[in-house]
C-alpha cells in the first residue's frame, strides 16, 4: 500500500476510535491495528499522536463545511440559509454515532497541553463564525446577529451531545428565527 492510502487508513481509523471513545483513551497501537499498518510505518507517516489528531480534525472540518454547503443549497433566501445551519445540526444530532463536536471534544481533552490541537479548534470555530457573519451580511442584518447565532449553534452542539437528543437543534433554530426576524425588522 502506498503512503497516501496508508495515511488515509490511519486518519479514518483514528477518527472512528477518537470520536467513539475519546482521544486519551485510545492508544497508538489501537490506531495502528485498526489501520492495518505497522507502528513503525505509522510513525513514519505521522511524527506524533497530535499530528494524527490535527489531520482527523482537518477531515472533520471538510465534512462540516460540506454539510453546511449542502444545507444552504437546499434553500434560496439569506434568512433561510442562516436557518439551514440548524437543519444541518438537527440531521447530524440524529445520527446514531453522534458524540458531539470533535473540535470541542478535542479542545476539552487536549487543548491545554497541545497548541496544535487548540489552534485547529480555534481556527475551525473562527471559520464558522465568519461563515455566519457572511450570511448575516447577505441577509442585510446587523453584524451583532452573527455571534448570537454562532453561540446558539455551539450551545446546541454541546447540549445535544450531553442530553443525547436532537431537540437542541430545534430549539436553537426557533430562537435563531426570532433573533433573525427581530434584527431584520430593526435594520429595516
C-alpha atoms as a PDB file:
ATOM      1  CA  UNK A   1       0.000   0.000   0.000  1.00  0.00           C
ATOM      2  CA  UNK A   2       1.300   3.452  -0.886  1.00  0.00           C
ATOM      3  CA  UNK A   3       1.808   6.238   1.652  1.00  0.00           C
ATOM      4  CA  UNK A   4      -1.310   8.173   0.644  1.00  0.00           C
ATOM      5  CA  UNK A   5      -3.514   5.123   1.184  1.00  0.00           C
ATOM      6  CA  UNK A   6      -1.800   4.312   4.477  1.00  0.00           C
ATOM      7  CA  UNK A   7      -2.293   7.916   5.669  1.00  0.00           C
ATOM      8  CA  UNK A   8      -5.985   7.769   4.775  1.00  0.00           C
ATOM      9  CA  UNK A   9      -6.381   4.481   6.649  1.00  0.00           C
ATOM     10  CA  UNK A  10      -4.672   5.857   9.755  1.00  0.00           C
ATOM     11  CA  UNK A  11      -6.789   9.012   9.704  1.00  0.00           C
ATOM     12  CA  UNK A  12     -10.030   7.052   9.189  1.00  0.00           C
ATOM     13  CA  UNK A  13      -9.169   4.585  11.952  1.00  0.00           C
ATOM     14  CA  UNK A  14      -8.130   7.327  14.359  1.00  0.00           C
ATOM     15  CA  UNK A  15     -11.219   9.374  13.576  1.00  0.00           C
ATOM     16  CA  UNK A  16     -13.564   6.477  14.323  1.00  0.00           C
ATOM     17  CA  UNK A  17     -11.757   5.483  17.506  1.00  0.00           C
ATOM     18  CA  UNK A  18     -11.225   9.003  18.874  1.00  0.00           C
ATOM     19  CA  UNK A  19     -14.791  10.086  18.154  1.00  0.00           C
ATOM     20  CA  UNK A  20     -16.329   6.982  19.709  1.00  0.00           C
ATOM     21  CA  UNK A  21     -14.138   6.733  22.810  1.00  0.00           C
ATOM     22  CA  UNK A  22     -12.177   9.953  23.255  1.00  0.00           C
ATOM     23  CA  UNK A  23      -8.603  10.702  22.289  1.00  0.00           C
ATOM     24  CA  UNK A  24      -6.821   9.934  25.527  1.00  0.00           C
ATOM     25  CA  UNK A  25      -8.460   6.522  25.939  1.00  0.00           C
ATOM     26  CA  UNK A  26      -7.164   5.321  22.548  1.00  0.00           C
ATOM     27  CA  UNK A  27      -3.570   4.198  22.263  1.00  0.00           C
ATOM     28  CA  UNK A  28      -1.446   4.382  19.162  1.00  0.00           C
ATOM     29  CA  UNK A  29      -1.305   0.595  18.984  1.00  0.00           C
ATOM     30  CA  UNK A  30      -5.106   0.518  18.657  1.00  0.00           C
ATOM     31  CA  UNK A  31      -4.953   3.055  15.831  1.00  0.00           C
ATOM     32  CA  UNK A  32      -2.225   1.021  14.117  1.00  0.00           C
ATOM     33  CA  UNK A  33      -4.215  -2.187  14.420  1.00  0.00           C
ATOM     34  CA  UNK A  34      -7.394  -0.590  13.106  1.00  0.00           C
ATOM     35  CA  UNK A  35      -5.468   0.997  10.212  1.00  0.00           C
ATOM     36  CA  UNK A  36      -3.777  -2.289   9.344  1.00  0.00           C
ATOM     37  CA  UNK A  37      -0.206  -0.967   9.252  1.00  0.00           C
ATOM     38  CA  UNK A  38       2.875  -1.331  11.421  1.00  0.00           C
ATOM     39  CA  UNK A  39       3.583   1.094  14.239  1.00  0.00           C
ATOM     40  CA  UNK A  40       6.915   1.969  12.606  1.00  0.00           C
ATOM     41  CA  UNK A  41       5.158   2.877   9.343  1.00  0.00           C
ATOM     42  CA  UNK A  42       2.523   4.894  11.169  1.00  0.00           C
ATOM     43  CA  UNK A  43       5.197   6.961  12.928  1.00  0.00           C
ATOM     44  CA  UNK A  44       6.993   7.428   9.608  1.00  0.00           C
ATOM     45  CA  UNK A  45       3.770   8.927   8.244  1.00  0.00           C
ATOM     46  CA  UNK A  46       2.837  10.889  11.384  1.00  0.00           C
ATOM     47  CA  UNK A  47       5.515  12.064  13.820  1.00  0.00           C
ATOM     48  CA  UNK A  48       3.104  12.126  16.792  1.00  0.00           C
ATOM     49  CA  UNK A  49      -0.385  11.378  18.005  1.00  0.00           C
ATOM     50  CA  UNK A  50      -1.093  15.115  17.897  1.00  0.00           C
ATOM     51  CA  UNK A  51      -0.225  15.144  14.184  1.00  0.00           C
ATOM     52  CA  UNK A  52      -2.836  12.432  13.620  1.00  0.00           C
ATOM     53  CA  UNK A  53      -5.397  14.336  15.680  1.00  0.00           C
ATOM     54  CA  UNK A  54      -4.848  17.504  13.636  1.00  0.00           C
ATOM     55  CA  UNK A  55      -5.385  15.529  10.412  1.00  0.00           C
ATOM     56  CA  UNK A  56      -8.545  13.978  11.855  1.00  0.00           C
ATOM     57  CA  UNK A  57      -9.781  17.483  12.688  1.00  0.00           C
ATOM     58  CA  UNK A  58      -8.928  18.685   9.179  1.00  0.00           C
ATOM     59  CA  UNK A  59     -11.125  15.913   7.811  1.00  0.00           C
ATOM     60  CA  UNK A  60     -13.905  16.802  10.238  1.00  0.00           C
ATOM     61  CA  UNK A  61     -13.651  20.435   9.101  1.00  0.00           C
ATOM     62  CA  UNK A  62     -14.182  19.393   5.483  1.00  0.00           C
ATOM     63  CA  UNK A  63     -17.176  17.228   6.430  1.00  0.00           C
ATOM     64  CA  UNK A  64     -18.644  20.106   8.451  1.00  0.00           C
ATOM     65  CA  UNK A  65     -18.165  22.638   5.654  1.00  0.00           C
ATOM     66  CA  UNK A  66     -19.653  20.260   3.091  1.00  0.00           C
ATOM     67  CA  UNK A  67     -22.690  19.689   5.323  1.00  0.00           C
ATOM     68  CA  UNK A  68     -23.234  23.428   5.733  1.00  0.00           C
ATOM     69  CA  UNK A  69     -22.925  23.996   1.966  1.00  0.00           C
ATOM     70  CA  UNK A  70     -25.374  21.197   1.190  1.00  0.00           C
ATOM     71  CA  UNK A  71     -27.918  22.501   3.713  1.00  0.00           C
ATOM     72  CA  UNK A  72     -27.616  26.053   2.369  1.00  0.00           C
ATOM     73  CA  UNK A  73     -28.022  24.830  -1.217  1.00  0.00           C
ATOM     74  CA  UNK A  74     -31.494  23.499  -0.383  1.00  0.00           C
ATOM     75  CA  UNK A  75     -32.879  26.983   0.282  1.00  0.00           C
ATOM     76  CA  UNK A  76     -32.826  30.303  -1.527  1.00  0.00           C
ATOM     77  CA  UNK A  77     -33.117  33.289   0.788  1.00  0.00           C
ATOM     78  CA  UNK A  78     -30.288  34.529   3.007  1.00  0.00           C
ATOM     79  CA  UNK A  79     -32.597  34.180   6.032  1.00  0.00           C
ATOM     80  CA  UNK A  80     -33.301  30.551   5.181  1.00  0.00           C
ATOM     81  CA  UNK A  81     -29.589  29.884   4.647  1.00  0.00           C
ATOM     82  CA  UNK A  82     -28.997  31.025   8.228  1.00  0.00           C
ATOM     83  CA  UNK A  83     -31.727  28.709   9.485  1.00  0.00           C
ATOM     84  CA  UNK A  84     -30.357  25.866   7.357  1.00  0.00           C
ATOM     85  CA  UNK A  85     -27.420  25.743   9.790  1.00  0.00           C
ATOM     86  CA  UNK A  86     -29.776  24.393  12.432  1.00  0.00           C
ATOM     87  CA  UNK A  87     -31.406  21.992   9.968  1.00  0.00           C
ATOM     88  CA  UNK A  88     -27.931  20.593   9.297  1.00  0.00           C
ATOM     89  CA  UNK A  89     -27.320  20.318  13.038  1.00  0.00           C
ATOM     90  CA  UNK A  90     -30.628  18.518  13.528  1.00  0.00           C
ATOM     91  CA  UNK A  91     -29.708  15.871  10.961  1.00  0.00           C
ATOM     92  CA  UNK A  92     -26.232  15.466  12.447  1.00  0.00           C
ATOM     93  CA  UNK A  93     -27.521  15.200  16.028  1.00  0.00           C
ATOM     94  CA  UNK A  94     -29.943  12.451  14.987  1.00  0.00           C
ATOM     95  CA  UNK A  95     -27.153  10.180  13.706  1.00  0.00           C
ATOM     96  CA  UNK A  96     -26.614   7.057  15.806  1.00  0.00           C
ATOM     97  CA  UNK A  97     -22.905   7.755  16.232  1.00  0.00           C
ATOM     98  CA  UNK A  98     -23.270  11.434  17.230  1.00  0.00           C
ATOM     99  CA  UNK A  99     -20.900  12.143  20.125  1.00  0.00           C
ATOM    100  CA  UNK A 100     -20.714  15.926  19.962  1.00  0.00           C
ATOM    101  CA  UNK A 101     -18.375  18.271  18.177  1.00  0.00           C
ATOM    102  CA  UNK A 102     -14.962  16.700  17.597  1.00  0.00           C
ATOM    103  CA  UNK A 103     -13.370  20.147  17.919  1.00  0.00           C
ATOM    104  CA  UNK A 104     -14.985  20.859  21.277  1.00  0.00           C
ATOM    105  CA  UNK A 105     -14.168  17.338  22.453  1.00  0.00           C
ATOM    106  CA  UNK A 106     -10.531  17.573  21.305  1.00  0.00           C
ATOM    107  CA  UNK A 107     -10.076  21.001  22.802  1.00  0.00           C
ATOM    108  CA  UNK A 108     -11.581  19.821  26.083  1.00  0.00           C
ATOM    109  CA  UNK A 109      -9.292  16.803  26.236  1.00  0.00           C
ATOM    110  CA  UNK A 110      -6.045  18.270  24.947  1.00  0.00           C
ATOM    111  CA  UNK A 111      -6.328  21.985  24.224  1.00  0.00           C
ATOM    112  CA  UNK A 112      -4.467  22.993  27.367  1.00  0.00           C
ATOM    113  CA  UNK A 113      -1.402  20.874  26.532  1.00  0.00           C
ATOM    114  CA  UNK A 114      -1.361  20.887  22.732  1.00  0.00           C
ATOM    115  CA  UNK A 115      -1.083  24.236  20.961  1.00  0.00           C
ATOM    116  CA  UNK A 116      -1.655  22.498  17.587  1.00  0.00           C
ATOM    117  CA  UNK A 117      -4.958  20.994  18.672  1.00  0.00           C
ATOM    118  CA  UNK A 118      -6.054  24.212  20.357  1.00  0.00           C
ATOM    119  CA  UNK A 119      -5.255  26.133  17.167  1.00  0.00           C
ATOM    120  CA  UNK A 120      -7.138  23.633  14.979  1.00  0.00           C
ATOM    121  CA  UNK A 121     -10.225  24.023  17.184  1.00  0.00           C
ATOM    122  CA  UNK A 122      -9.971  27.822  17.309  1.00  0.00           C
ATOM    123  CA  UNK A 123      -9.424  28.053  13.568  1.00  0.00           C
ATOM    124  CA  UNK A 124     -12.456  25.883  12.850  1.00  0.00           C
ATOM    125  CA  UNK A 125     -14.710  27.848  15.196  1.00  0.00           C
ATOM    126  CA  UNK A 126     -13.486  31.166  13.764  1.00  0.00           C
ATOM    127  CA  UNK A 127     -14.197  29.965  10.214  1.00  0.00           C
ATOM    128  CA  UNK A 128     -17.721  29.003  11.275  1.00  0.00           C
ATOM    129  CA  UNK A 129     -18.247  32.442  12.821  1.00  0.00           C
ATOM    130  CA  UNK A 130     -17.045  34.063   9.581  1.00  0.00           C
ATOM    131  CA  UNK A 131     -19.424  31.852   7.576  1.00  0.00           C
ATOM    132  CA  UNK A 132     -22.345  33.014   9.709  1.00  0.00           C
ATOM    133  CA  UNK A 133     -21.179  36.640   9.515  1.00  0.00           C
ATOM    134  CA  UNK A 134     -21.188  36.439   5.704  1.00  0.00           C
ATOM    135  CA  UNK A 135     -24.732  35.031   5.709  1.00  0.00           C
ATOM    136  CA  UNK A 136     -25.852  37.735   8.145  1.00  0.00           C
ATOM    137  CA  UNK A 137     -24.370  40.378   5.856  1.00  0.00           C
ATOM    138  CA  UNK A 138     -26.093  38.813   2.824  1.00  0.00           C
ATOM    139  CA  UNK A 139     -29.387  38.967   4.722  1.00  0.00           C
ATOM    140  CA  UNK A 140     -28.878  42.678   5.418  1.00  0.00           C
ATOM    141  CA  UNK A 141     -28.976  42.126   9.167  1.00  0.00           C
ATOM    142  CA  UNK A 142     -26.808  43.929  11.724  1.00  0.00           C
ATOM    143  CA  UNK A 143     -23.384  42.390  12.396  1.00  0.00           C
ATOM    144  CA  UNK A 144     -24.225  41.761  16.063  1.00  0.00           C
ATOM    145  CA  UNK A 145     -26.523  38.947  14.950  1.00  0.00           C
ATOM    146  CA  UNK A 146     -23.682  36.680  13.770  1.00  0.00           C
ATOM    147  CA  UNK A 147     -22.089  35.921  17.158  1.00  0.00           C
ATOM    148  CA  UNK A 148     -25.533  35.376  18.658  1.00  0.00           C
ATOM    149  CA  UNK A 149     -26.385  32.765  16.031  1.00  0.00           C
ATOM    150  CA  UNK A 150     -22.965  31.134  16.402  1.00  0.00           C
ATOM    151  CA  UNK A 151     -23.458  30.824  20.148  1.00  0.00           C
ATOM    152  CA  UNK A 152     -26.815  29.160  19.609  1.00  0.00           C
ATOM    153  CA  UNK A 153     -25.264  26.646  17.223  1.00  0.00           C
ATOM    154  CA  UNK A 154     -22.332  25.936  19.549  1.00  0.00           C
ATOM    155  CA  UNK A 155     -24.616  25.595  22.557  1.00  0.00           C
ATOM    156  CA  UNK A 156     -26.880  23.248  20.625  1.00  0.00           C
ATOM    157  CA  UNK A 157     -23.915  21.011  19.802  1.00  0.00           C
ATOM    158  CA  UNK A 158     -22.876  20.719  23.423  1.00  0.00           C
ATOM    159  CA  UNK A 159     -26.433  20.281  24.692  1.00  0.00           C
ATOM    160  CA  UNK A 160     -27.234  17.600  22.109  1.00  0.00           C
ATOM    161  CA  UNK A 161     -24.087  15.663  22.982  1.00  0.00           C
ATOM    162  CA  UNK A 162     -24.752  15.741  26.713  1.00  0.00           C
ATOM    163  CA  UNK A 163     -28.520  15.170  26.504  1.00  0.00           C
ATOM    164  CA  UNK A 164     -28.292  12.583  23.749  1.00  0.00           C
ATOM    165  CA  UNK A 165     -31.153  14.281  21.947  1.00  0.00           C
ATOM    166  CA  UNK A 166     -31.501  16.168  18.671  1.00  0.00           C
ATOM    167  CA  UNK A 167     -34.058  18.549  20.206  1.00  0.00           C
ATOM    168  CA  UNK A 168     -31.398  21.161  20.910  1.00  0.00           C
ATOM    169  CA  UNK A 169     -31.201  21.936  17.180  1.00  0.00           C
ATOM    170  CA  UNK A 170     -34.959  22.529  17.011  1.00  0.00           C
ATOM    171  CA  UNK A 171     -34.830  24.904  19.973  1.00  0.00           C
ATOM    172  CA  UNK A 172     -31.765  26.712  18.614  1.00  0.00           C
ATOM    173  CA  UNK A 173     -33.463  27.071  15.223  1.00  0.00           C
ATOM    174  CA  UNK A 174     -36.590  28.606  16.796  1.00  0.00           C
ATOM    175  CA  UNK A 175     -34.512  31.031  18.864  1.00  0.00           C
ATOM    176  CA  UNK A 176     -32.456  31.901  15.787  1.00  0.00           C
ATOM    177  CA  UNK A 177     -35.586  32.619  13.741  1.00  0.00           C
ATOM    178  CA  UNK A 178     -36.730  35.056  16.437  1.00  0.00           C
ATOM    179  CA  UNK A 179     -33.325  36.750  16.572  1.00  0.00           C
ATOM    180  CA  UNK A 180     -33.083  36.971  12.775  1.00  0.00           C
ATOM    181  CA  UNK A 181     -36.570  38.408  12.362  1.00  0.00           C
ATOM    182  CA  UNK A 182     -36.016  40.963  15.136  1.00  0.00           C
ATOM    183  CA  UNK A 183     -32.636  42.001  13.692  1.00  0.00           C
ATOM    184  CA  UNK A 184     -34.072  42.312  10.186  1.00  0.00           C
ATOM    185  CA  UNK A 185     -37.005  44.390  11.457  1.00  0.00           C
ATOM    186  CA  UNK A 186     -34.599  46.648  13.346  1.00  0.00           C
ATOM    187  CA  UNK A 187     -32.406  47.051  10.270  1.00  0.00           C
ATOM    188  CA  UNK A 188     -35.359  47.976   8.040  1.00  0.00           C
END
